[in-house]
């Protein structure tokens, strides 16, 4: 019996994906079963084993954490003698030793540094063109304090000394900070830290931007004073000064056009913040407006200004002298 002709049952589009193409054929080197793939993997292994490339990777790892490197025999020896905190000492392979290198290795062992040997090519890359003389040391990042920690530590000490019978001891224990506005030379910063430690200051305040940091160079110039002189970094120096004024501090800015002389402002015996600017520009306008008083250092007209470290030493000596005189009254 003949069947009636009509529409037949289809897939309804169920198998349309099987009709689509699978894209272009992969390259021979991308097919895991092809000999070209095996050749490519072998070439990659050979490239990774290249000692020159391995040296580059080690250099990148060495310098990525910190660029604070001490380069050269004399510089490294001086840094180790003053106690610059460091993590690693690189020594060139087949280095000809002398008295300096033997002393460097001895001090590095005492301080617990990792001593690594590197070839000449690797040392050159780490030094980035510097004359390393076969010796490079990597310094550790300086541990900054917060402004709150700085103030709390100084005020705690001052409160403890308020019970002392000596008037001189009570006055000398009153908080004293040095704030630097726009000082970008690490050596100047190191000298300021050294002066602050010498004259009994309680800490140094730095802005995060447009300011030097406590690097190995600053640490060396401080002659180790950075080890026990707390340094705070603040986002905004003007706001930091305002915060200290709310805690009862007086702020004296140092500038050539000051109306009073350092040591004769009337605030020396109080909790005090001394603000110093850069040699060329001085303190900024907003920082100047936040100061309670602007003082100057009397000097010859032949010299326009002093650098921050010299000005800090003179100012701190003047404050210490004024406090001693106040205790005798």
Protein backbone atom coordinates (compact mmCIF):
# COMPACT_ATOMS: atom_id res chain seq x y z
CA UNK A 1 0.00 0.00 0.00
CA UNK A 2 1.43 3.35 -0.98
CA UNK A 3 2.03 5.89 1.75
CA UNK A 4 0.92 9.48 1.44
CA UNK A 5 3.76 11.79 0.61
CA UNK A 6 4.26 14.59 3.13
CA UNK A 7 6.80 16.38 5.38
CA UNK A 8 9.30 14.17 7.10
CA UNK A 9 10.51 14.53 10.70
CA UNK A 10 13.81 16.46 10.96
CA UNK A 11 16.37 17.21 13.69
CA UNK A 12 14.90 20.59 14.49
CA UNK A 13 18.36 22.15 14.54
CA UNK A 14 19.75 19.78 17.18
CA UNK A 15 22.90 19.02 15.20
CA UNK A 16 23.65 22.42 13.75
CA UNK A 17 26.77 22.84 15.91
CA UNK A 18 28.32 19.74 14.38
CA UNK A 19 28.11 21.40 11.03
CA UNK A 20 30.14 24.41 12.11
CA UNK A 21 33.86 24.58 11.39
CA UNK A 22 36.44 24.20 14.16
CA UNK A 23 38.53 27.16 13.09
CA UNK A 24 41.95 27.27 11.49
CA UNK A 25 44.33 24.39 12.00
CA UNK A 26 46.75 25.06 14.89
CA UNK A 27 50.38 25.63 14.05
CA UNK A 28 52.61 22.59 14.15
CA UNK A 29 54.51 23.98 17.17
CA UNK A 30 51.23 24.24 19.12
CA UNK A 31 50.17 20.63 18.56
CA UNK A 32 51.40 18.56 21.50
CA UNK A 33 51.82 15.43 19.35
CA UNK A 34 53.93 17.16 16.68
CA UNK A 35 57.72 17.11 16.64
CA UNK A 36 57.74 20.89 16.18
CA UNK A 37 56.06 21.24 19.60
CA UNK A 38 58.78 19.15 21.22
CA UNK A 39 61.47 21.23 19.50
CA UNK A 40 59.88 24.44 20.77
CA UNK A 41 59.79 23.17 24.37
CA UNK A 42 63.43 22.07 24.14
CA UNK A 43 64.42 25.56 22.89
CA UNK A 44 62.59 27.18 25.80
CA UNK A 45 64.38 24.96 28.32
CA UNK A 46 67.71 25.81 26.73
CA UNK A 47 66.90 29.52 26.88
CA UNK A 48 65.98 29.37 30.57
CA UNK A 49 69.23 27.56 31.30
CA UNK A 50 71.31 30.32 29.67
CA UNK A 51 73.52 31.70 32.51
CA UNK A 52 73.30 35.22 31.13
CA UNK A 53 69.50 35.20 31.28
CA UNK A 54 69.61 33.61 34.71
CA UNK A 55 71.82 36.48 35.85
CA UNK A 56 69.30 38.98 34.52
CA UNK A 57 66.49 37.30 36.44
CA UNK A 58 68.52 37.35 39.66
CA UNK A 59 69.36 41.03 39.14
CA UNK A 60 65.70 41.87 38.54
CA UNK A 61 64.74 40.07 41.75
CA UNK A 62 67.58 41.73 43.67
CA UNK A 63 66.71 45.27 42.60
CA UNK A 64 62.92 45.03 42.56
CA UNK A 65 62.51 45.20 46.33
CA UNK A 66 64.65 48.27 46.88
CA UNK A 67 66.95 50.46 44.88
CA UNK A 68 68.78 51.58 48.03
CA UNK A 69 72.16 50.11 47.20
CA UNK A 70 75.56 50.92 48.69
CA UNK A 71 78.15 50.53 45.95
CA UNK A 72 81.93 50.35 46.27
CA UNK A 73 84.37 49.10 48.90
CA UNK A 74 84.81 52.32 50.87
CA UNK A 75 81.10 53.13 50.88
CA UNK A 76 80.11 49.62 52.00
CA UNK A 77 82.78 49.54 54.70
CA UNK A 78 81.66 52.91 56.13
CA UNK A 79 78.02 51.81 56.03
CA UNK A 80 78.77 48.62 57.94
CA UNK A 81 80.83 50.48 60.52
CA UNK A 82 78.01 52.91 61.37
CA UNK A 83 75.46 50.10 61.42
CA UNK A 84 73.37 50.77 58.33
CA UNK A 85 70.72 48.00 58.40
CA UNK A 86 71.25 45.74 55.40
CA UNK A 87 70.11 42.35 54.17
CA UNK A 88 72.49 41.18 51.43
CA UNK A 89 76.11 41.60 50.42
CA UNK A 90 77.09 40.77 46.84
CA UNK A 91 80.73 39.91 46.24
CA UNK A 92 82.23 39.45 42.78
CA UNK A 93 83.50 36.00 41.92
CA UNK A 94 87.31 35.61 42.07
CA UNK A 95 87.64 38.97 43.80
CA UNK A 96 91.16 40.01 44.78
CA UNK A 97 90.85 40.68 48.51
CA UNK A 98 92.53 43.46 50.43
CA UNK A 99 92.20 44.81 53.97
CA UNK A 100 88.92 46.56 53.13
CA UNK A 101 87.21 43.51 51.67
CA UNK A 102 88.35 41.32 54.56
CA UNK A 103 86.93 43.86 57.02
CA UNK A 104 83.70 44.04 55.00
CA UNK A 105 83.25 40.28 55.10
CA UNK A 106 83.99 40.19 58.82
CA UNK A 107 81.43 42.92 59.62
CA UNK A 108 78.88 41.37 57.25
CA UNK A 109 79.17 38.11 59.16
CA UNK A 110 78.75 39.91 62.49
CA UNK A 111 75.61 41.71 61.25
CA UNK A 112 74.16 38.51 59.80
CA UNK A 113 74.05 39.58 56.15
CA UNK A 114 73.43 37.09 53.35
CA UNK A 115 76.73 36.94 51.43
CA UNK A 116 76.24 35.98 47.78
CA UNK A 117 78.79 35.55 45.03
CA UNK A 118 78.05 36.87 41.54
CA UNK A 119 79.91 37.06 38.27
CA UNK A 120 81.14 40.33 36.82
CA UNK A 121 78.21 40.67 34.40
CA UNK A 122 75.68 40.28 37.17
CA UNK A 123 77.48 42.79 39.39
CA UNK A 124 77.55 45.36 36.60
CA UNK A 125 73.81 45.02 36.08
CA UNK A 126 73.05 45.38 39.80
CA UNK A 127 75.24 48.47 40.07
CA UNK A 128 73.55 50.02 36.99
CA UNK A 129 76.79 51.48 35.75
CA UNK A 130 78.23 52.39 39.15
CA UNK A 131 81.86 51.63 39.99
CA UNK A 132 81.22 48.76 42.40
CA UNK A 133 84.81 47.42 42.80
CA UNK A 134 83.34 43.94 43.28
CA UNK A 135 81.28 44.87 46.39
CA UNK A 136 77.58 45.85 46.58
CA UNK A 137 75.34 45.95 49.64
CA UNK A 138 71.55 46.13 49.71
CA UNK A 139 70.17 48.25 52.57
CA UNK A 140 66.91 47.45 54.31
CA UNK A 141 63.98 49.91 54.14
CA UNK A 142 63.90 52.36 57.06
CA UNK A 143 61.07 51.82 59.55
CA UNK A 144 59.18 55.11 59.88
CA UNK A 145 56.97 56.05 62.82
CA UNK A 146 53.56 57.67 62.60
CA UNK A 147 53.02 61.21 63.84
CA UNK A 148 50.82 59.88 66.65
CA UNK A 149 53.53 57.46 67.79
CA UNK A 150 56.10 60.26 67.70
CA UNK A 151 53.98 62.60 69.82
CA UNK A 152 52.87 59.90 72.29
CA UNK A 153 56.46 58.78 72.91
CA UNK A 154 57.70 62.33 73.52
CA UNK A 155 54.75 63.31 75.73
CA UNK A 156 55.06 60.13 77.81
CA UNK A 157 58.68 60.99 78.51
CA UNK A 158 57.76 64.58 79.37
CA UNK A 159 55.01 63.50 81.80
CA UNK A 160 57.42 61.12 83.53
CA UNK A 161 59.95 63.93 84.05
CA UNK A 162 57.34 66.32 85.47
CA UNK A 163 57.72 64.47 88.78
CA UNK A 164 61.43 65.23 88.89
CA UNK A 165 62.68 67.77 91.43
CA UNK A 166 65.05 69.35 88.93
CA UNK A 167 63.52 72.27 87.03
CA UNK A 168 66.21 71.86 84.38
CA UNK A 169 65.28 68.20 83.81
CA UNK A 170 61.59 69.07 83.45
CA UNK A 171 62.24 71.77 80.85
CA UNK A 172 64.77 69.71 78.89
CA UNK A 173 62.26 66.83 78.70
CA UNK A 174 59.56 68.90 76.99
CA UNK A 175 58.89 67.66 73.44
CA UNK A 176 60.96 69.08 70.59
CA UNK A 177 60.50 68.10 66.95
CA UNK A 178 62.18 69.13 63.69
CA UNK A 179 59.96 69.30 60.59
CA UNK A 180 61.56 69.55 57.15
CA UNK A 181 59.68 71.20 54.31
CA UNK A 182 61.11 70.51 50.85
CA UNK A 183 64.55 69.18 51.87
CA UNK A 184 65.39 66.71 49.09
CA UNK A 185 69.08 65.94 49.73
CA UNK A 186 69.54 62.69 51.72
CA UNK A 187 72.89 63.88 53.06
CA UNK A 188 71.26 67.04 54.41
CA UNK A 189 68.59 64.87 56.01
CA UNK A 190 71.23 62.65 57.60
CA UNK A 191 73.02 65.68 59.05
CA UNK A 192 69.73 67.03 60.44
CA UNK A 193 69.04 63.68 62.13
CA UNK A 194 72.52 63.76 63.64
CA UNK A 195 72.00 67.31 64.99
CA UNK A 196 68.56 66.36 66.34
CA UNK A 197 70.10 63.47 68.29
CA UNK A 198 72.96 65.64 69.55
CA UNK A 199 70.67 68.32 71.01
CA UNK A 200 68.00 66.08 72.48
CA UNK A 201 65.18 66.42 69.95
CA UNK A 202 62.42 63.81 70.10
CA UNK A 203 62.02 63.17 66.39
CA UNK A 204 62.05 64.39 62.81
CA UNK A 205 58.94 64.92 60.65
CA UNK A 206 59.05 64.57 56.86
CA UNK A 207 56.37 64.97 54.18
CA UNK A 208 55.89 62.00 51.87
CA UNK A 209 56.20 64.08 48.69
CA UNK A 210 59.05 66.35 47.59
CA UNK A 211 61.27 65.23 50.45
CA UNK A 212 64.34 63.10 50.97
CA UNK A 213 63.91 59.68 52.55
CA UNK A 214 66.07 57.93 55.12
CA UNK A 215 68.22 56.00 52.67
CA UNK A 216 71.61 54.41 53.22
CA UNK A 217 73.24 57.73 52.26
CA UNK A 218 71.25 59.61 54.93
CA UNK A 219 71.96 56.88 57.47
CA UNK A 220 75.71 57.11 56.90
CA UNK A 221 75.79 60.90 57.29
CA UNK A 222 73.78 60.60 60.50
CA UNK A 223 76.70 58.54 61.89
CA UNK A 224 74.28 55.94 63.24
CA UNK A 225 71.93 58.46 64.90
CA UNK A 226 69.11 57.24 62.65
CA UNK A 227 69.14 54.00 64.64
CA UNK A 228 67.63 55.71 67.70
CA UNK A 229 66.09 58.91 66.30
CA UNK A 230 62.44 58.27 65.27
CA UNK A 231 61.36 59.75 61.94
CA UNK A 232 57.73 60.18 60.90
CA UNK A 233 56.43 60.60 57.35
CA UNK A 234 53.16 62.51 56.92
CA UNK A 235 50.91 62.97 53.90
CA UNK A 236 50.41 66.70 54.51
CA UNK A 237 52.93 68.65 56.57
CA UNK A 238 50.61 71.60 57.18
CA UNK A 239 47.87 69.35 58.58
CA UNK A 240 50.44 67.55 60.72
CA UNK A 241 51.54 70.87 62.19
CA UNK A 242 47.92 71.81 62.89
CA UNK A 243 47.40 68.46 64.63
CA UNK A 244 50.41 69.09 66.88
CA UNK A 245 49.19 72.61 67.69
CA UNK A 246 45.92 71.08 68.88
CA UNK A 247 47.98 68.96 71.29
CA UNK A 248 49.54 72.08 72.79
CA UNK A 249 52.66 72.52 70.67
CA UNK A 250 54.04 75.83 69.43
CA UNK A 251 55.49 76.03 65.94
CA UNK A 252 58.46 78.20 64.94
CA UNK A 253 59.32 78.49 61.27
CA UNK A 254 62.87 79.30 60.21
CA UNK A 255 63.18 81.89 57.46
CA UNK A 256 65.54 84.68 56.48
CA UNK A 257 62.79 87.29 56.84
CA UNK A 258 61.87 86.35 60.40
CA UNK A 259 60.88 89.03 62.88
CA UNK A 260 62.69 87.33 65.78
CA UNK A 261 65.97 85.50 66.26
CA UNK A 262 66.25 81.79 66.94
CA UNK A 263 66.44 81.08 70.63
CA UNK A 264 64.59 84.30 71.45
CA UNK A 265 61.01 83.59 70.34
CA UNK A 266 59.56 82.95 73.80
CA UNK A 267 58.41 79.42 72.90
CA UNK A 268 61.66 77.56 73.61
CA UNK A 269 60.54 76.24 77.01
CA UNK A 270 57.23 74.92 75.63
CA UNK A 271 56.50 71.81 73.56
CA UNK A 272 58.01 72.96 70.28
CA UNK A 273 58.13 72.17 66.58
CA UNK A 274 60.86 73.85 64.50
CA UNK A 275 60.14 73.96 60.76
CA UNK A 276 63.00 74.26 58.27
CA UNK A 277 62.70 74.66 54.52
CA UNK A 278 65.01 74.05 51.60
CA UNK A 279 68.03 76.24 51.03
CA UNK A 280 66.62 77.88 47.91
CA UNK A 281 62.84 78.15 48.43
CA UNK A 282 62.54 78.08 52.22
CA UNK A 283 59.28 76.95 53.81
CA UNK A 284 56.11 76.92 51.70
CA UNK A 285 53.37 79.53 52.06
CA UNK A 286 50.81 77.26 53.73
CA UNK A 287 53.37 75.89 56.17
CA UNK A 288 54.52 79.42 56.96
CA UNK A 289 50.95 80.50 57.71
CA UNK A 290 50.55 77.57 60.12
CA UNK A 291 53.55 78.70 62.21
CA UNK A 292 53.08 80.70 65.41
CA UNK A 293 56.29 82.62 64.80
CA UNK A 294 58.89 83.12 62.07
CA UNK A 295 62.47 83.34 63.31
CA UNK A 296 65.76 83.99 61.54
CA UNK A 297 69.46 83.37 62.09
CA UNK A 298 71.55 86.54 62.18
CA UNK A 299 74.40 86.29 59.68
CA UNK A 300 76.51 88.30 57.29
CA UNK A 301 74.86 89.88 54.25
CA UNK A 302 77.45 88.14 52.05
CA UNK A 303 75.55 84.86 52.48
CA UNK A 304 71.90 84.62 51.48
CA UNK A 305 70.98 81.37 53.24
CA UNK A 306 72.28 78.27 54.99
CA UNK A 307 71.54 74.70 54.08
CA UNK A 308 69.06 72.81 56.22
CA UNK A 309 71.60 70.82 58.22
CA UNK A 310 73.61 73.87 59.29
CA UNK A 311 70.45 75.83 60.11
CA UNK A 312 69.11 72.89 62.11
CA UNK A 313 72.29 72.64 64.17
CA UNK A 314 72.28 76.39 64.99
CA UNK A 315 68.58 76.41 65.82
CA UNK A 316 68.68 73.32 68.03
CA UNK A 317 71.69 74.67 69.91
CA UNK A 318 69.82 77.96 70.45
CA UNK A 319 66.76 76.13 71.78
CA UNK A 320 68.88 73.98 74.11
CA UNK A 321 70.67 77.08 75.40
CA UNK A 322 67.39 78.94 75.95
CA UNK A 323 66.01 75.97 77.91
CA UNK A 324 69.08 75.84 80.13
CA UNK A 325 68.79 79.57 80.83
CA UNK A 326 65.06 79.22 81.59
CA UNK A 327 65.80 76.52 84.13
CA UNK A 328 68.19 78.85 85.98
CA UNK A 329 65.65 81.67 86.34
